[in-house]
Amino acid sequence: MSEPKIQAQDVRNACEGMLRKQLYAVFTRPADGLGPVMEMLDEHLAFQISLEKRGIMFGAGPFWTDDEQEWRGEGMVIIRAENLEAAKAIAAEDPMHASGARVCEVRPWLLCEGSMTIKLSHSKRSYEIL
């Protein structure tokens, strides 16, 4: 018995009233060990910050091993883009990918549920993300 085909529009319709913000997830992993990744890390982080400043990046960060004790060079970046092709072009500009230190897969992601709370303390001039 085959699985039913569910179209993207069916999902959008099911999420009526939710955010339904189209974003793109870039899953990135080392192409050939951590040596080349570490060599490109400063350039990669500068690129990431440039995406953030330009309003392209929604969020990014590393994946730990399941015991949460090690990093093996994998990460994820969530970006805003016009479409999948534009998202792939942005990911290709990352020095990690352009140099071949990492390879990536870009997937469309629809943000529907969730929340974010930011607590600002004026008197302490501090913030906390909950």
C-alpha atoms as a PDB file:
ATOM      1  CA  MET A   1       0.000   0.000   0.000  1.00  0.00           C
ATOM      2  CA  SER A   2       1.460   3.357  -1.005  1.00  0.00           C
ATOM      3  CA  GLU A   3       1.563   6.452   1.178  1.00  0.00           C
ATOM      4  CA  PRO A   4      -0.792   9.288   0.218  1.00  0.00           C
ATOM      5  CA  LYS A   5       0.726  12.259  -1.576  1.00  0.00           C
ATOM      6  CA  ILE A   6       0.297  15.415   0.470  1.00  0.00           C
ATOM      7  CA  GLN A   7       0.873  18.637  -1.373  1.00  0.00           C
ATOM      8  CA  ALA A   8       2.537  21.658   0.240  1.00  0.00           C
ATOM      9  CA  GLN A   9      -0.662  23.651  -0.231  1.00  0.00           C
ATOM     10  CA  ASP A  10      -2.565  21.020   1.777  1.00  0.00           C
ATOM     11  CA  VAL A  11      -0.198  21.639   4.690  1.00  0.00           C
ATOM     12  CA  ARG A  12      -0.486  25.418   4.311  1.00  0.00           C
ATOM     13  CA  ASN A  13      -4.280  25.067   4.368  1.00  0.00           C
ATOM     14  CA  ALA A  14      -4.137  22.878   7.489  1.00  0.00           C
ATOM     15  CA  CYS A  15      -2.042  25.596   9.187  1.00  0.00           C
ATOM     16  CA  GLU A  16      -4.483  28.403   8.347  1.00  0.00           C
ATOM     17  CA  GLY A  17      -4.200  31.160  10.949  1.00  0.00           C
ATOM     18  CA  MET A  18      -0.660  30.167  11.965  1.00  0.00           C
ATOM     19  CA  LEU A  19       2.475  32.097  11.013  1.00  0.00           C
ATOM     20  CA  ARG A  20       3.267  30.050   7.854  1.00  0.00           C
ATOM     21  CA  LYS A  21       6.577  31.870   7.287  1.00  0.00           C
ATOM     22  CA  GLN A  22       8.563  30.278   4.461  1.00  0.00           C
ATOM     23  CA  LEU A  23      12.207  29.886   5.456  1.00  0.00           C
ATOM     24  CA  TYR A  24      15.076  27.665   4.317  1.00  0.00           C
ATOM     25  CA  ALA A  25      17.155  25.330   6.469  1.00  0.00           C
ATOM     26  CA  VAL A  26      20.770  24.782   5.456  1.00  0.00           C
ATOM     27  CA  PHE A  27      22.133  21.545   6.916  1.00  0.00           C
ATOM     28  CA  THR A  28      25.918  21.631   6.745  1.00  0.00           C
ATOM     29  CA  ARG A  29      28.550  18.974   7.498  1.00  0.00           C
ATOM     30  CA  PRO A  30      32.282  18.510   6.977  1.00  0.00           C
ATOM     31  CA  ALA A  31      33.268  17.278   3.536  1.00  0.00           C
ATOM     32  CA  ASP A  32      36.537  15.692   4.673  1.00  0.00           C
ATOM     33  CA  GLY A  33      37.188  15.989   8.392  1.00  0.00           C
ATOM     34  CA  LEU A  34      37.474  18.896  10.797  1.00  0.00           C
ATOM     35  CA  GLY A  35      40.866  20.244   9.673  1.00  0.00           C
ATOM     36  CA  PRO A  36      39.510  22.219   6.700  1.00  0.00           C
ATOM     37  CA  VAL A  37      36.468  23.291   8.744  1.00  0.00           C
ATOM     38  CA  MET A  38      38.635  24.780  11.480  1.00  0.00           C
ATOM     39  CA  GLU A  39      40.776  26.576   8.874  1.00  0.00           C
ATOM     40  CA  MET A  40      37.665  28.290   7.481  1.00  0.00           C
ATOM     41  CA  LEU A  41      35.920  28.983  10.792  1.00  0.00           C
ATOM     42  CA  ASP A  42      36.790  32.695  11.101  1.00  0.00           C
ATOM     43  CA  GLU A  43      35.706  33.436   7.518  1.00  0.00           C
ATOM     44  CA  HIS A  44      32.542  31.384   8.001  1.00  0.00           C
ATOM     45  CA  LEU A  45      31.577  33.242  11.187  1.00  0.00           C
ATOM     46  CA  ALA A  46      32.200  36.605   9.499  1.00  0.00           C
ATOM     47  CA  PHE A  47      29.915  35.507   6.659  1.00  0.00           C
ATOM     48  CA  GLN A  48      27.251  34.386   9.141  1.00  0.00           C
ATOM     49  CA  ILE A  49      27.367  37.749  10.890  1.00  0.00           C
ATOM     50  CA  SER A  50      27.009  39.491   7.523  1.00  0.00           C
ATOM     51  CA  LEU A  51      23.859  37.429   6.851  1.00  0.00           C
ATOM     52  CA  GLU A  52      22.541  38.432  10.254  1.00  0.00           C
ATOM     53  CA  LYS A  53      23.239  42.135   9.661  1.00  0.00           C
ATOM     54  CA  ARG A  54      21.533  42.000   6.249  1.00  0.00           C
ATOM     55  CA  GLY A  55      18.424  40.408   7.763  1.00  0.00           C
ATOM     56  CA  ILE A  56      18.877  37.140   5.873  1.00  0.00           C
ATOM     57  CA  MET A  57      19.676  34.871   8.800  1.00  0.00           C
ATOM     58  CA  PHE A  58      16.901  33.761  11.136  1.00  0.00           C
ATOM     59  CA  GLY A  59      19.204  31.639  13.278  1.00  0.00           C
ATOM     60  CA  ALA A  60      22.190  29.317  13.148  1.00  0.00           C
ATOM     61  CA  GLY A  61      24.298  27.058  15.295  1.00  0.00           C
ATOM     62  CA  PRO A  62      26.168  23.799  15.713  1.00  0.00           C
ATOM     63  CA  PHE A  63      24.845  20.283  16.261  1.00  0.00           C
ATOM     64  CA  TRP A  64      26.411  18.444  19.214  1.00  0.00           C
ATOM     65  CA  THR A  65      26.875  14.716  19.437  1.00  0.00           C
ATOM     66  CA  ASP A  66      23.980  12.950  21.169  1.00  0.00           C
ATOM     67  CA  ASP A  67      25.800  13.046  24.520  1.00  0.00           C
ATOM     68  CA  GLU A  68      26.102  16.852  24.073  1.00  0.00           C
ATOM     69  CA  GLN A  69      29.862  16.709  24.659  1.00  0.00           C
ATOM     70  CA  GLU A  70      31.432  17.041  21.190  1.00  0.00           C
ATOM     71  CA  TRP A  71      31.107  18.939  17.963  1.00  0.00           C
ATOM     72  CA  ARG A  72      31.894  17.120  14.743  1.00  0.00           C
ATOM     73  CA  GLY A  73      31.597  20.091  12.426  1.00  0.00           C
ATOM     74  CA  GLU A  74      27.887  19.860  11.669  1.00  0.00           C
ATOM     75  CA  GLY A  75      25.484  22.765  11.870  1.00  0.00           C
ATOM     76  CA  MET A  76      22.283  24.322  10.646  1.00  0.00           C
ATOM     77  CA  VAL A  77      21.494  27.791   9.343  1.00  0.00           C
ATOM     78  CA  ILE A  78      17.950  29.034   8.827  1.00  0.00           C
ATOM     79  CA  ILE A  79      17.693  31.798   6.258  1.00  0.00           C
ATOM     80  CA  ARG A  80      15.141  34.046   4.642  1.00  0.00           C
ATOM     81  CA  ALA A  81      15.152  33.896   0.853  1.00  0.00           C
ATOM     82  CA  GLU A  82      12.856  34.554  -2.079  1.00  0.00           C
ATOM     83  CA  ASN A  83      12.817  30.887  -3.102  1.00  0.00           C
ATOM     84  CA  LEU A  84      14.813  27.658  -2.929  1.00  0.00           C
ATOM     85  CA  GLU A  85      17.190  28.660  -5.720  1.00  0.00           C
ATOM     86  CA  ALA A  86      18.013  31.936  -3.956  1.00  0.00           C
ATOM     87  CA  ALA A  87      18.543  30.066  -0.676  1.00  0.00           C
ATOM     88  CA  LYS A  88      20.953  27.653  -2.393  1.00  0.00           C
ATOM     89  CA  ALA A  89      22.863  30.592  -3.866  1.00  0.00           C
ATOM     90  CA  ILE A  90      23.183  32.183  -0.401  1.00  0.00           C
ATOM     91  CA  ALA A  91      24.409  28.891   1.081  1.00  0.00           C
ATOM     92  CA  ALA A  92      26.941  28.513  -1.736  1.00  0.00           C
ATOM     93  CA  GLU A  93      28.468  31.901  -0.804  1.00  0.00           C
ATOM     94  CA  ASP A  94      29.423  30.623   2.668  1.00  0.00           C
ATOM     95  CA  PRO A  95      33.231  30.281   2.674  1.00  0.00           C
ATOM     96  CA  MET A  96      32.820  26.818   4.232  1.00  0.00           C
ATOM     97  CA  HIS A  97      30.865  25.638   1.198  1.00  0.00           C
ATOM     98  CA  ALA A  98      32.716  27.684  -1.420  1.00  0.00           C
ATOM     99  CA  SER A  99      36.046  26.248  -0.223  1.00  0.00           C
ATOM    100  CA  GLY A 100      34.772  22.689  -0.073  1.00  0.00           C
ATOM    101  CA  ALA A 101      35.404  22.379   3.677  1.00  0.00           C
ATOM    102  CA  ARG A 102      31.726  21.582   4.175  1.00  0.00           C
ATOM    103  CA  VAL A 103      28.891  20.336   2.018  1.00  0.00           C
ATOM    104  CA  CYS A 104      25.313  21.389   2.553  1.00  0.00           C
ATOM    105  CA  GLU A 105      21.726  20.499   1.835  1.00  0.00           C
ATOM    106  CA  VAL A 106      19.152  23.287   1.604  1.00  0.00           C
ATOM    107  CA  ARG A 107      15.544  22.427   2.421  1.00  0.00           C
ATOM    108  CA  PRO A 108      12.410  24.588   2.386  1.00  0.00           C
ATOM    109  CA  TRP A 109      10.966  24.928   5.892  1.00  0.00           C
ATOM    110  CA  LEU A 110       7.594  26.392   6.840  1.00  0.00           C
ATOM    111  CA  LEU A 111       7.577  27.964  10.306  1.00  0.00           C
ATOM    112  CA  CYS A 112       4.088  27.530  11.745  1.00  0.00           C
ATOM    113  CA  GLU A 113       4.205  26.977  15.503  1.00  0.00           C
ATOM    114  CA  GLY A 114       6.372  28.076  18.400  1.00  0.00           C
ATOM    115  CA  SER A 115       7.203  31.172  20.370  1.00  0.00           C
ATOM    116  CA  MET A 116      10.122  33.243  21.553  1.00  0.00           C
ATOM    117  CA  THR A 117      10.269  35.289  24.718  1.00  0.00           C
ATOM    118  CA  ILE A 118      12.817  38.011  25.323  1.00  0.00           C
ATOM    119  CA  LYS A 119      12.966  39.506  28.796  1.00  0.00           C
ATOM    120  CA  LEU A 120      14.426  43.034  28.891  1.00  0.00           C
ATOM    121  CA  SER A 121      15.532  44.596  32.159  1.00  0.00           C
ATOM    122  CA  HIS A 122      15.927  48.341  31.722  1.00  0.00           C
ATOM    123  CA  SER A 123      17.413  48.945  35.169  1.00  0.00           C
ATOM    124  CA  LYS A 124      20.061  46.258  34.728  1.00  0.00           C
ATOM    125  CA  ARG A 125      20.551  46.947  31.027  1.00  0.00           C
ATOM    126  CA  SER A 126      20.306  43.238  30.394  1.00  0.00           C
ATOM    127  CA  TYR A 127      18.281  40.755  28.411  1.00  0.00           C
ATOM    128  CA  GLU A 128      17.455  37.093  28.605  1.00  0.00           C
ATOM    129  CA  ILE A 129      16.106  34.837  25.870  1.00  0.00           C
ATOM    130  CA  LEU A 130      13.721  32.296  27.364  1.00  0.00           C
END
